[in-house]
Amino acid sequence: LVQAGDSLTLSCSTSEWTFSRYAMGWF
């Protein structure tokens, strides 16, 4: 929960195998 104007960083962790072979996105 943040206020309008604030910043936030989302993270998505996975395996090395996935990270090096998969396109990724945020929805």
mmCIF file of all heavy atoms, coordinates in Angstrom:
data_MODEL
# 
_entry.id   MODEL 
# 
loop_
_atom_site.group_PDB 
_atom_site.id 
_atom_site.type_symbol 
_atom_site.label_atom_id 
_atom_site.label_alt_id 
_atom_site.label_comp_id 
_atom_site.label_asym_id 
_atom_site.label_entity_id 
_atom_site.label_seq_id 
_atom_site.pdbx_PDB_ins_code 
_atom_site.Cartn_x 
_atom_site.Cartn_y 
_atom_site.Cartn_z 
_atom_site.occupancy 
_atom_site.B_iso_or_equiv 
_atom_site.pdbx_formal_charge 
_atom_site.auth_seq_id 
_atom_site.auth_comp_id 
_atom_site.auth_asym_id 
_atom_site.auth_atom_id 
_atom_site.pdbx_PDB_model_num 
ATOM 1   N N   . LEU A 1 1  ? 0.846  -1.186  0.000   1.00 0.00 ? 1  LEU A N   1 
ATOM 2   C CA  . LEU A 1 1  ? 0.000  0.000   0.000   1.00 0.00 ? 1  LEU A CA  1 
ATOM 3   C C   . LEU A 1 1  ? 0.885  1.240   0.000   1.00 0.00 ? 1  LEU A C   1 
ATOM 4   O O   . LEU A 1 1  ? 1.747  1.381   0.876   1.00 0.00 ? 1  LEU A O   1 
ATOM 5   C CB  . LEU A 1 1  ? -0.890 -0.013  1.244   1.00 0.00 ? 1  LEU A CB  1 
ATOM 6   C CG  . LEU A 1 1  ? -1.710 1.250   1.515   1.00 0.00 ? 1  LEU A CG  1 
ATOM 7   C CD1 . LEU A 1 1  ? -2.714 1.492   0.403   1.00 0.00 ? 1  LEU A CD1 1 
ATOM 8   C CD2 . LEU A 1 1  ? -2.421 1.139   2.870   1.00 0.00 ? 1  LEU A CD2 1 
ATOM 9   N N   . VAL A 1 2  ? 0.670  2.106   -0.973  1.00 0.00 ? 2  VAL A N   1 
ATOM 10  C CA  . VAL A 1 2  ? 1.442  3.344   -1.076  1.00 0.00 ? 2  VAL A CA  1 
ATOM 11  C C   . VAL A 1 2  ? 0.480  4.490   -1.358  1.00 0.00 ? 2  VAL A C   1 
ATOM 12  O O   . VAL A 1 2  ? -0.692 4.278   -1.675  1.00 0.00 ? 2  VAL A O   1 
ATOM 13  C CB  . VAL A 1 2  ? 2.514  3.278   -2.176  1.00 0.00 ? 2  VAL A CB  1 
ATOM 14  C CG1 . VAL A 1 2  ? 3.546  2.196   -1.867  1.00 0.00 ? 2  VAL A CG1 1 
ATOM 15  C CG2 . VAL A 1 2  ? 1.875  3.044   -3.537  1.00 0.00 ? 2  VAL A CG2 1 
ATOM 16  N N   . GLN A 1 3  ? 1.000  5.693   -1.270  1.00 0.00 ? 3  GLN A N   1 
ATOM 17  C CA  . GLN A 1 3  ? 0.202  6.866   -1.584  1.00 0.00 ? 3  GLN A CA  1 
ATOM 18  C C   . GLN A 1 3  ? 0.462  7.312   -3.017  1.00 0.00 ? 3  GLN A C   1 
ATOM 19  O O   . GLN A 1 3  ? 1.509  7.006   -3.598  1.00 0.00 ? 3  GLN A O   1 
ATOM 20  C CB  . GLN A 1 3  ? 0.531  7.997   -0.610  1.00 0.00 ? 3  GLN A CB  1 
ATOM 21  C CG  . GLN A 1 3  ? 0.114  7.707   0.827   1.00 0.00 ? 3  GLN A CG  1 
ATOM 22  C CD  . GLN A 1 3  ? 0.324  8.902   1.732   1.00 0.00 ? 3  GLN A CD  1 
ATOM 23  O OE1 . GLN A 1 3  ? 1.201  9.719   1.503   1.00 0.00 ? 3  GLN A OE1 1 
ATOM 24  N NE2 . GLN A 1 3  ? -0.504 9.018   2.764   1.00 0.00 ? 3  GLN A NE2 1 
ATOM 25  N N   . ALA A 1 4  ? -0.473 8.060   -3.555  1.00 0.00 ? 4  ALA A N   1 
ATOM 26  C CA  . ALA A 1 4  ? -0.312 8.586   -4.902  1.00 0.00 ? 4  ALA A CA  1 
ATOM 27  C C   . ALA A 1 4  ? 0.984  9.398   -4.989  1.00 0.00 ? 4  ALA A C   1 
ATOM 28  O O   . ALA A 1 4  ? 1.297  10.177  -4.081  1.00 0.00 ? 4  ALA A O   1 
ATOM 29  C CB  . ALA A 1 4  ? -1.501 9.457   -5.275  1.00 0.00 ? 4  ALA A CB  1 
ATOM 30  N N   . GLY A 1 5  ? 1.722  9.170   -6.067  1.00 0.00 ? 5  GLY A N   1 
ATOM 31  C CA  . GLY A 1 5  ? 2.995  9.851   -6.256  1.00 0.00 ? 5  GLY A CA  1 
ATOM 32  C C   . GLY A 1 5  ? 4.198  9.064   -5.759  1.00 0.00 ? 5  GLY A C   1 
ATOM 33  O O   . GLY A 1 5  ? 5.335  9.396   -6.096  1.00 0.00 ? 5  GLY A O   1 
ATOM 34  N N   . ASP A 1 6  ? 3.958  8.029   -4.984  1.00 0.00 ? 6  ASP A N   1 
ATOM 35  C CA  . ASP A 1 6  ? 5.048  7.210   -4.454  1.00 0.00 ? 6  ASP A CA  1 
ATOM 36  C C   . ASP A 1 6  ? 5.589  6.261   -5.520  1.00 0.00 ? 6  ASP A C   1 
ATOM 37  O O   . ASP A 1 6  ? 5.023  6.116   -6.607  1.00 0.00 ? 6  ASP A O   1 
ATOM 38  C CB  . ASP A 1 6  ? 4.569  6.397   -3.253  1.00 0.00 ? 6  ASP A CB  1 
ATOM 39  C CG  . ASP A 1 6  ? 4.426  7.235   -2.009  1.00 0.00 ? 6  ASP A CG  1 
ATOM 40  O OD1 . ASP A 1 6  ? 4.836  8.416   -2.025  1.00 0.00 ? 6  ASP A OD1 1 
ATOM 41  O OD2 . ASP A 1 6  ? 3.888  6.711   -1.009  1.00 0.00 ? 6  ASP A OD2 1 
ATOM 42  N N   . SER A 1 7  ? 6.662  5.596   -5.153  1.00 0.00 ? 7  SER A N   1 
ATOM 43  C CA  . SER A 1 7  ? 7.287  4.599   -6.027  1.00 0.00 ? 7  SER A CA  1 
ATOM 44  C C   . SER A 1 7  ? 7.269  3.234   -5.356  1.00 0.00 ? 7  SER A C   1 
ATOM 45  O O   . SER A 1 7  ? 7.208  3.129   -4.127  1.00 0.00 ? 7  SER A O   1 
ATOM 46  C CB  . SER A 1 7  ? 8.735  4.986   -6.342  1.00 0.00 ? 7  SER A CB  1 
ATOM 47  O OG  . SER A 1 7  ? 8.791  6.213   -7.038  1.00 0.00 ? 7  SER A OG  1 
ATOM 48  N N   . LEU A 1 8  ? 7.339  2.214   -6.196  1.00 0.00 ? 8  LEU A N   1 
ATOM 49  C CA  . LEU A 1 8  ? 7.332  0.844   -5.704  1.00 0.00 ? 8  LEU A CA  1 
ATOM 50  C C   . LEU A 1 8  ? 8.060  -0.013  -6.729  1.00 0.00 ? 8  LEU A C   1 
ATOM 51  O O   . LEU A 1 8  ? 7.942  0.232   -7.941  1.00 0.00 ? 8  LEU A O   1 
ATOM 52  C CB  . LEU A 1 8  ? 5.894  0.360   -5.540  1.00 0.00 ? 8  LEU A CB  1 
ATOM 53  C CG  . LEU A 1 8  ? 5.570  -0.797  -4.604  1.00 0.00 ? 8  LEU A CG  1 
ATOM 54  C CD1 . LEU A 1 8  ? 5.994  -0.461  -3.171  1.00 0.00 ? 8  LEU A CD1 1 
ATOM 55  C CD2 . LEU A 1 8  ? 4.088  -1.104  -4.656  1.00 0.00 ? 8  LEU A CD2 1 
ATOM 56  N N   . THR A 1 9  ? 8.793  -1.003  -6.248  1.00 0.00 ? 9  THR A N   1 
ATOM 57  C CA  . THR A 1 9  ? 9.469  -1.921  -7.157  1.00 0.00 ? 9  THR A CA  1 
ATOM 58  C C   . THR A 1 9  ? 8.982  -3.341  -6.910  1.00 0.00 ? 9  THR A C   1 
ATOM 59  O O   . THR A 1 9  ? 9.069  -3.843  -5.789  1.00 0.00 ? 9  THR A O   1 
ATOM 60  C CB  . THR A 1 9  ? 10.995 -1.873  -6.975  1.00 0.00 ? 9  THR A CB  1 
ATOM 61  O OG1 . THR A 1 9  ? 11.464 -0.557  -7.267  1.00 0.00 ? 9  THR A OG1 1 
ATOM 62  C CG2 . THR A 1 9  ? 11.675 -2.845  -7.937  1.00 0.00 ? 9  THR A CG2 1 
ATOM 63  N N   . LEU A 1 10 ? 8.480  -3.961  -7.949  1.00 0.00 ? 10 LEU A N   1 
ATOM 64  C CA  . LEU A 1 10 ? 8.072  -5.355  -7.895  1.00 0.00 ? 10 LEU A CA  1 
ATOM 65  C C   . LEU A 1 10 ? 9.212  -6.237  -8.381  1.00 0.00 ? 10 LEU A C   1 
ATOM 66  O O   . LEU A 1 10 ? 9.961  -5.857  -9.279  1.00 0.00 ? 10 LEU A O   1 
ATOM 67  C CB  . LEU A 1 10 ? 6.840  -5.595  -8.755  1.00 0.00 ? 10 LEU A CB  1 
ATOM 68  C CG  . LEU A 1 10 ? 5.608  -4.736  -8.450  1.00 0.00 ? 10 LEU A CG  1 
ATOM 69  C CD1 . LEU A 1 10 ? 4.461  -5.140  -9.364  1.00 0.00 ? 10 LEU A CD1 1 
ATOM 70  C CD2 . LEU A 1 10 ? 5.215  -4.851  -7.003  1.00 0.00 ? 10 LEU A CD2 1 
ATOM 71  N N   . SER A 1 11 ? 9.323  -7.419  -7.789  1.00 0.00 ? 11 SER A N   1 
ATOM 72  C CA  . SER A 1 11 ? 10.339 -8.384  -8.179  1.00 0.00 ? 11 SER A CA  1 
ATOM 73  C C   . SER A 1 11 ? 9.675  -9.697  -8.559  1.00 0.00 ? 11 SER A C   1 
ATOM 74  O O   . SER A 1 11 ? 8.647  -10.070 -7.995  1.00 0.00 ? 11 SER A O   1 
ATOM 75  C CB  . SER A 1 11 ? 11.318 -8.632  -7.037  1.00 0.00 ? 11 SER A CB  1 
ATOM 76  O OG  . SER A 1 11 ? 11.947 -7.442  -6.625  1.00 0.00 ? 11 SER A OG  1 
ATOM 77  N N   . CYS A 1 12 ? 10.277 -10.389 -9.499  1.00 0.00 ? 12 CYS A N   1 
ATOM 78  C CA  . CYS A 1 12 ? 9.804  -11.710 -9.912  1.00 0.00 ? 12 CYS A CA  1 
ATOM 79  C C   . CYS A 1 12 ? 11.025 -12.613 -10.020 1.00 0.00 ? 12 CYS A C   1 
ATOM 80  O O   . CYS A 1 12 ? 11.829 -12.465 -10.941 1.00 0.00 ? 12 CYS A O   1 
ATOM 81  C CB  . CYS A 1 12 ? 9.070  -11.623 -11.233 1.00 0.00 ? 12 CYS A CB  1 
ATOM 82  S SG  . CYS A 1 12 ? 8.547  -13.229 -11.887 1.00 0.00 ? 12 CYS A SG  1 
ATOM 83  N N   . SER A 1 13 ? 11.156 -13.537 -9.103  1.00 0.00 ? 13 SER A N   1 
ATOM 84  C CA  . SER A 1 13 ? 12.315 -14.421 -9.065  1.00 0.00 ? 13 SER A CA  1 
ATOM 85  C C   . SER A 1 13 ? 11.994 -15.761 -9.692  1.00 0.00 ? 13 SER A C   1 
ATOM 86  O O   . SER A 1 13 ? 10.889 -16.293 -9.542  1.00 0.00 ? 13 SER A O   1 
ATOM 87  C CB  . SER A 1 13 ? 12.760 -14.631 -7.622  1.00 0.00 ? 13 SER A CB  1 
ATOM 88  O OG  . SER A 1 13 ? 13.153 -13.403 -7.045  1.00 0.00 ? 13 SER A OG  1 
ATOM 89  N N   . THR A 1 14 ? 12.982 -16.303 -10.384 1.00 0.00 ? 14 THR A N   1 
ATOM 90  C CA  . THR A 1 14 ? 12.811 -17.609 -11.007 1.00 0.00 ? 14 THR A CA  1 
ATOM 91  C C   . THR A 1 14 ? 14.154 -18.328 -11.063 1.00 0.00 ? 14 THR A C   1 
ATOM 92  O O   . THR A 1 14 ? 15.134 -17.838 -10.500 1.00 0.00 ? 14 THR A O   1 
ATOM 93  C CB  . THR A 1 14 ? 12.185 -17.455 -12.399 1.00 0.00 ? 14 THR A CB  1 
ATOM 94  O OG1 . THR A 1 14 ? 11.847 -18.741 -12.923 1.00 0.00 ? 14 THR A OG1 1 
ATOM 95  C CG2 . THR A 1 14 ? 13.158 -16.765 -13.354 1.00 0.00 ? 14 THR A CG2 1 
ATOM 96  N N   . SER A 1 15 ? 14.195 -19.456 -11.748 1.00 0.00 ? 15 SER A N   1 
ATOM 97  C CA  . SER A 1 15 ? 15.438 -20.211 -11.843 1.00 0.00 ? 15 SER A CA  1 
ATOM 98  C C   . SER A 1 15 ? 16.328 -19.644 -12.943 1.00 0.00 ? 15 SER A C   1 
ATOM 99  O O   . SER A 1 15 ? 15.870 -18.919 -13.827 1.00 0.00 ? 15 SER A O   1 
ATOM 100 C CB  . SER A 1 15 ? 15.134 -21.678 -12.148 1.00 0.00 ? 15 SER A CB  1 
ATOM 101 O OG  . SER A 1 15 ? 14.606 -21.793 -13.465 1.00 0.00 ? 15 SER A OG  1 
ATOM 102 N N   . GLU A 1 16 ? 17.596 -19.997 -12.869 1.00 0.00 ? 16 GLU A N   1 
ATOM 103 C CA  . GLU A 1 16 ? 18.526 -19.558 -13.894 1.00 0.00 ? 16 GLU A CA  1 
ATOM 104 C C   . GLU A 1 16 ? 18.122 -20.110 -15.257 1.00 0.00 ? 16 GLU A C   1 
ATOM 105 O O   . GLU A 1 16 ? 18.220 -19.419 -16.278 1.00 0.00 ? 16 GLU A O   1 
ATOM 106 C CB  . GLU A 1 16 ? 19.942 -20.019 -13.541 1.00 0.00 ? 16 GLU A CB  1 
ATOM 107 C CG  . GLU A 1 16 ? 20.985 -19.627 -14.570 1.00 0.00 ? 16 GLU A CG  1 
ATOM 108 C CD  . GLU A 1 16 ? 22.368 -20.114 -14.197 1.00 0.00 ? 16 GLU A CD  1 
ATOM 109 O OE1 . GLU A 1 16 ? 22.504 -20.799 -13.165 1.00 0.00 ? 16 GLU A OE1 1 
ATOM 110 O OE2 . GLU A 1 16 ? 23.320 -19.816 -14.937 1.00 0.00 ? 16 GLU A OE2 1 
ATOM 111 N N   . TRP A 1 17 ? 17.654 -21.344 -15.279 1.00 0.00 ? 17 TRP A N   1 
ATOM 112 C CA  . TRP A 1 17 ? 17.269 -21.978 -16.540 1.00 0.00 ? 17 TRP A CA  1 
ATOM 113 C C   . TRP A 1 17 ? 16.133 -21.214 -17.202 1.00 0.00 ? 17 TRP A C   1 
ATOM 114 O O   . TRP A 1 17 ? 16.152 -20.949 -18.396 1.00 0.00 ? 17 TRP A O   1 
ATOM 115 C CB  . TRP A 1 17 ? 16.845 -23.425 -16.289 1.00 0.00 ? 17 TRP A CB  1 
ATOM 116 C CG  . TRP A 1 17 ? 16.760 -24.241 -17.530 1.00 0.00 ? 17 TRP A CG  1 
ATOM 117 C CD1 . TRP A 1 17 ? 17.745 -24.998 -18.093 1.00 0.00 ? 17 TRP A CD1 1 
ATOM 118 C CD2 . TRP A 1 17 ? 15.619 -24.379 -18.381 1.00 0.00 ? 17 TRP A CD2 1 
ATOM 119 N NE1 . TRP A 1 17 ? 17.286 -25.587 -19.255 1.00 0.00 ? 17 TRP A NE1 1 
ATOM 120 C CE2 . TRP A 1 17 ? 15.994 -25.237 -19.448 1.00 0.00 ? 17 TRP A CE2 1 
ATOM 121 C CE3 . TRP A 1 17 ? 14.327 -23.866 -18.360 1.00 0.00 ? 17 TRP A CE3 1 
ATOM 122 C CZ2 . TRP A 1 17 ? 15.118 -25.578 -20.459 1.00 0.00 ? 17 TRP A CZ2 1 
ATOM 123 C CZ3 . TRP A 1 17 ? 13.452 -24.211 -19.377 1.00 0.00 ? 17 TRP A CZ3 1 
ATOM 124 C CH2 . TRP A 1 17 ? 13.849 -25.064 -20.412 1.00 0.00 ? 17 TRP A CH2 1 
ATOM 125 N N   . THR A 1 18 ? 15.157 -20.838 -16.398 1.00 0.00 ? 18 THR A N   1 
ATOM 126 C CA  . THR A 1 18 ? 14.018 -20.097 -16.926 1.00 0.00 ? 18 THR A CA  1 
ATOM 127 C C   . THR A 1 18 ? 14.443 -18.709 -17.370 1.00 0.00 ? 18 THR A C   1 
ATOM 128 O O   . THR A 1 18 ? 14.098 -18.241 -18.457 1.00 0.00 ? 18 THR A O   1 
ATOM 129 C CB  . THR A 1 18 ? 12.914 -19.993 -15.869 1.00 0.00 ? 18 THR A CB  1 
ATOM 130 O OG1 . THR A 1 18 ? 12.466 -21.306 -15.531 1.00 0.00 ? 18 THR A OG1 1 
ATOM 131 C CG2 . THR A 1 18 ? 11.751 -19.164 -16.377 1.00 0.00 ? 18 THR A CG2 1 
ATOM 132 N N   . PHE A 1 19 ? 15.204 -18.063 -16.528 1.00 0.00 ? 19 PHE A N   1 
ATOM 133 C CA  . PHE A 1 19 ? 15.553 -16.678 -16.784 1.00 0.00 ? 19 PHE A CA  1 
ATOM 134 C C   . PHE A 1 19 ? 16.335 -16.518 -18.081 1.00 0.00 ? 19 PHE A C   1 
ATOM 135 O O   . PHE A 1 19 ? 16.201 -15.508 -18.770 1.00 0.00 ? 19 PHE A O   1 
ATOM 136 C CB  . PHE A 1 19 ? 16.385 -16.133 -15.604 1.00 0.00 ? 19 PHE A CB  1 
ATOM 137 C CG  . PHE A 1 19 ? 16.442 -14.643 -15.542 1.00 0.00 ? 19 PHE A CG  1 
ATOM 138 C CD1 . PHE A 1 19 ? 15.368 -13.904 -15.098 1.00 0.00 ? 19 PHE A CD1 1 
ATOM 139 C CD2 . PHE A 1 19 ? 17.599 -13.974 -15.931 1.00 0.00 ? 19 PHE A CD2 1 
ATOM 140 C CE1 . PHE A 1 19 ? 15.422 -12.530 -15.041 1.00 0.00 ? 19 PHE A CE1 1 
ATOM 141 C CE2 . PHE A 1 19 ? 17.668 -12.594 -15.873 1.00 0.00 ? 19 PHE A CE2 1 
ATOM 142 C CZ  . PHE A 1 19 ? 16.576 -11.876 -15.425 1.00 0.00 ? 19 PHE A CZ  1 
ATOM 143 N N   . SER A 1 20 ? 17.120 -17.498 -18.433 1.00 0.00 ? 20 SER A N   1 
ATOM 144 C CA  . SER A 1 20 ? 17.969 -17.401 -19.627 1.00 0.00 ? 20 SER A CA  1 
ATOM 145 C C   . SER A 1 20 ? 17.295 -17.905 -20.899 1.00 0.00 ? 20 SER A C   1 
ATOM 146 O O   . SER A 1 20 ? 17.890 -17.814 -21.970 1.00 0.00 ? 20 SER A O   1 
ATOM 147 C CB  . SER A 1 20 ? 19.266 -18.179 -19.409 1.00 0.00 ? 20 SER A CB  1 
ATOM 148 O OG  . SER A 1 20 ? 18.976 -19.555 -19.202 1.00 0.00 ? 20 SER A OG  1 
ATOM 149 N N   . ARG A 1 21 ? 16.069 -18.410 -20.806 1.00 0.00 ? 21 ARG A N   1 
ATOM 150 C CA  . ARG A 1 21 ? 15.420 -18.987 -21.987 1.00 0.00 ? 21 ARG A CA  1 
ATOM 151 C C   . ARG A 1 21 ? 13.996 -18.514 -22.201 1.00 0.00 ? 21 ARG A C   1 
ATOM 152 O O   . ARG A 1 21 ? 13.381 -18.858 -23.211 1.00 0.00 ? 21 ARG A O   1 
ATOM 153 C CB  . ARG A 1 21 ? 15.407 -20.515 -21.879 1.00 0.00 ? 21 ARG A CB  1 
ATOM 154 C CG  . ARG A 1 21 ? 16.780 -21.149 -21.929 1.00 0.00 ? 21 ARG A CG  1 
ATOM 155 C CD  . ARG A 1 21 ? 16.713 -22.627 -21.575 1.00 0.00 ? 21 ARG A CD  1 
ATOM 156 N NE  . ARG A 1 21 ? 18.004 -23.299 -21.706 1.00 0.00 ? 21 ARG A NE  1 
ATOM 157 C CZ  . ARG A 1 21 ? 18.950 -23.254 -20.812 1.00 0.00 ? 21 ARG A CZ  1 
ATOM 158 N NH1 . ARG A 1 21 ? 18.782 -22.556 -19.706 1.00 0.00 ? 21 ARG A NH1 1 
ATOM 159 N NH2 . ARG A 1 21 ? 20.093 -23.898 -21.007 1.00 0.00 ? 21 ARG A NH2 1 
ATOM 160 N N   . TYR A 1 22 ? 13.464 -17.755 -21.255 1.00 0.00 ? 22 TYR A N   1 
ATOM 161 C CA  . TYR A 1 22 ? 12.072 -17.361 -21.315 1.00 0.00 ? 22 TYR A CA  1 
ATOM 162 C C   . TYR A 1 22 ? 11.931 -15.847 -21.425 1.00 0.00 ? 22 TYR A C   1 
ATOM 163 O O   . TYR A 1 22 ? 12.583 -15.097 -20.698 1.00 0.00 ? 22 TYR A O   1 
ATOM 164 C CB  . TYR A 1 22 ? 11.323 -17.829 -20.058 1.00 0.00 ? 22 TYR A CB  1 
ATOM 165 C CG  . TYR A 1 22 ? 10.981 -19.299 -20.057 1.00 0.00 ? 22 TYR A CG  1 
ATOM 166 C CD1 . TYR A 1 22 ? 11.974 -20.260 -20.066 1.00 0.00 ? 22 TYR A CD1 1 
ATOM 167 C CD2 . TYR A 1 22 ? 9.656  -19.713 -20.058 1.00 0.00 ? 22 TYR A CD2 1 
ATOM 168 C CE1 . TYR A 1 22 ? 11.663 -21.611 -20.069 1.00 0.00 ? 22 TYR A CE1 1 
ATOM 169 C CE2 . TYR A 1 22 ? 9.330  -21.062 -20.059 1.00 0.00 ? 22 TYR A CE2 1 
ATOM 170 C CZ  . TYR A 1 22 ? 10.335 -21.998 -20.066 1.00 0.00 ? 22 TYR A CZ  1 
ATOM 171 O OH  . TYR A 1 22 ? 10.015 -23.332 -20.072 1.00 0.00 ? 22 TYR A OH  1 
ATOM 172 N N   . ALA A 1 23 ? 11.055 -15.427 -22.329 1.00 0.00 ? 23 ALA A N   1 
ATOM 173 C CA  . ALA A 1 23 ? 10.640 -14.034 -22.333 1.00 0.00 ? 23 ALA A CA  1 
ATOM 174 C C   . ALA A 1 23 ? 9.715  -13.832 -21.140 1.00 0.00 ? 23 ALA A C   1 
ATOM 175 O O   . ALA A 1 23 ? 8.975  -14.741 -20.752 1.00 0.00 ? 23 ALA A O   1 
ATOM 176 C CB  . ALA A 1 23 ? 9.911  -13.705 -23.628 1.00 0.00 ? 23 ALA A CB  1 
ATOM 177 N N   . MET A 1 24 ? 9.758  -12.656 -20.556 1.00 0.00 ? 24 MET A N   1 
ATOM 178 C CA  . MET A 1 24 ? 8.974  -12.411 -19.354 1.00 0.00 ? 24 MET A CA  1 
ATOM 179 C C   . MET A 1 24 ? 8.231  -11.093 -19.446 1.00 0.00 ? 24 MET A C   1 
ATOM 180 O O   . MET A 1 24 ? 8.626  -10.179 -20.194 1.00 0.00 ? 24 MET A O   1 
ATOM 181 C CB  . MET A 1 24 ? 9.889  -12.427 -18.125 1.00 0.00 ? 24 MET A CB  1 
ATOM 182 C CG  . MET A 1 24 ? 10.593 -13.765 -17.927 1.00 0.00 ? 24 MET A CG  1 
ATOM 183 S SD  . MET A 1 24 ? 11.665 -13.797 -16.485 1.00 0.00 ? 24 MET A SD  1 
ATOM 184 C CE  . MET A 1 24 ? 10.446 -13.827 -15.171 1.00 0.00 ? 24 MET A CE  1 
ATOM 185 N N   . GLY A 1 25 ? 7.188  -11.000 -18.674 1.00 0.00 ? 25 GLY A N   1 
ATOM 186 C CA  . GLY A 1 25 ? 6.398  -9.774  -18.710 1.00 0.00 ? 25 GLY A CA  1 
ATOM 187 C C   . GLY A 1 25 ? 5.628  -9.554  -17.424 1.00 0.00 ? 25 GLY A C   1 
ATOM 188 O O   . GLY A 1 25 ? 5.576  -10.418 -16.546 1.00 0.00 ? 25 GLY A O   1 
ATOM 189 N N   . TRP A 1 26 ? 5.073  -8.373  -17.336 1.00 0.00 ? 26 TRP A N   1 
ATOM 190 C CA  . TRP A 1 26 ? 4.206  -7.998  -16.210 1.00 0.00 ? 26 TRP A CA  1 
ATOM 191 C C   . TRP A 1 26 ? 2.818  -7.653  -16.751 1.00 0.00 ? 26 TRP A C   1 
ATOM 192 O O   . TRP A 1 26 ? 2.693  -6.941  -17.753 1.00 0.00 ? 26 TRP A O   1 
ATOM 193 C CB  . TRP A 1 26 ? 4.760  -6.784  -15.478 1.00 0.00 ? 26 TRP A CB  1 
ATOM 194 C CG  . TRP A 1 26 ? 6.006  -7.033  -14.697 1.00 0.00 ? 26 TRP A CG  1 
ATOM 195 C CD1 . TRP A 1 26 ? 7.289  -6.771  -15.066 1.00 0.00 ? 26 TRP A CD1 1 
ATOM 196 C CD2 . TRP A 1 26 ? 6.086  -7.589  -13.371 1.00 0.00 ? 26 TRP A CD2 1 
ATOM 197 N NE1 . TRP A 1 26 ? 8.161  -7.133  -14.081 1.00 0.00 ? 26 TRP A NE1 1 
ATOM 198 C CE2 . TRP A 1 26 ? 7.448  -7.631  -13.020 1.00 0.00 ? 26 TRP A CE2 1 
ATOM 199 C CE3 . TRP A 1 26 ? 5.143  -8.049  -12.457 1.00 0.00 ? 26 TRP A CE3 1 
ATOM 200 C CZ2 . TRP A 1 26 ? 7.898  -8.123  -11.791 1.00 0.00 ? 26 TRP A CZ2 1 
ATOM 201 C CZ3 . TRP A 1 26 ? 5.586  -8.525  -11.240 1.00 0.00 ? 26 TRP A CZ3 1 
ATOM 202 C CH2 . TRP A 1 26 ? 6.946  -8.566  -10.914 1.00 0.00 ? 26 TRP A CH2 1 
ATOM 203 N N   . PHE A 1 27 ? 1.808  -8.137  -16.051 1.00 0.00 ? 27 PHE A N   1 
ATOM 204 C CA  . PHE A 1 27 ? 0.425  -7.806  -16.340 1.00 0.00 ? 27 PHE A CA  1 
ATOM 205 C C   . PHE A 1 27 ? -0.238 -7.384  -15.042 1.00 0.00 ? 27 PHE A C   1 
ATOM 206 O O   . PHE A 1 27 ? 0.294  -7.625  -13.953 1.00 0.00 ? 27 PHE A O   1 
ATOM 207 C CB  . PHE A 1 27 ? -0.307 -9.022  -16.931 1.00 0.00 ? 27 PHE A CB  1 
ATOM 208 C CG  . PHE A 1 27 ? 0.154  -9.375  -18.318 1.00 0.00 ? 27 PHE A CG  1 
ATOM 209 C CD1 . PHE A 1 27 ? 1.341  -10.077 -18.507 1.00 0.00 ? 27 PHE A CD1 1 
ATOM 210 C CD2 . PHE A 1 27 ? -0.573 -9.006  -19.429 1.00 0.00 ? 27 PHE A CD2 1 
ATOM 211 C CE1 . PHE A 1 27 ? 1.783  -10.394 -19.784 1.00 0.00 ? 27 PHE A CE1 1 
ATOM 212 C CE2 . PHE A 1 27 ? -0.146 -9.319  -20.714 1.00 0.00 ? 27 PHE A CE2 1 
ATOM 213 C CZ  . PHE A 1 27 ? 1.036  -10.015 -20.881 1.00 0.00 ? 27 PHE A CZ  1 
# 
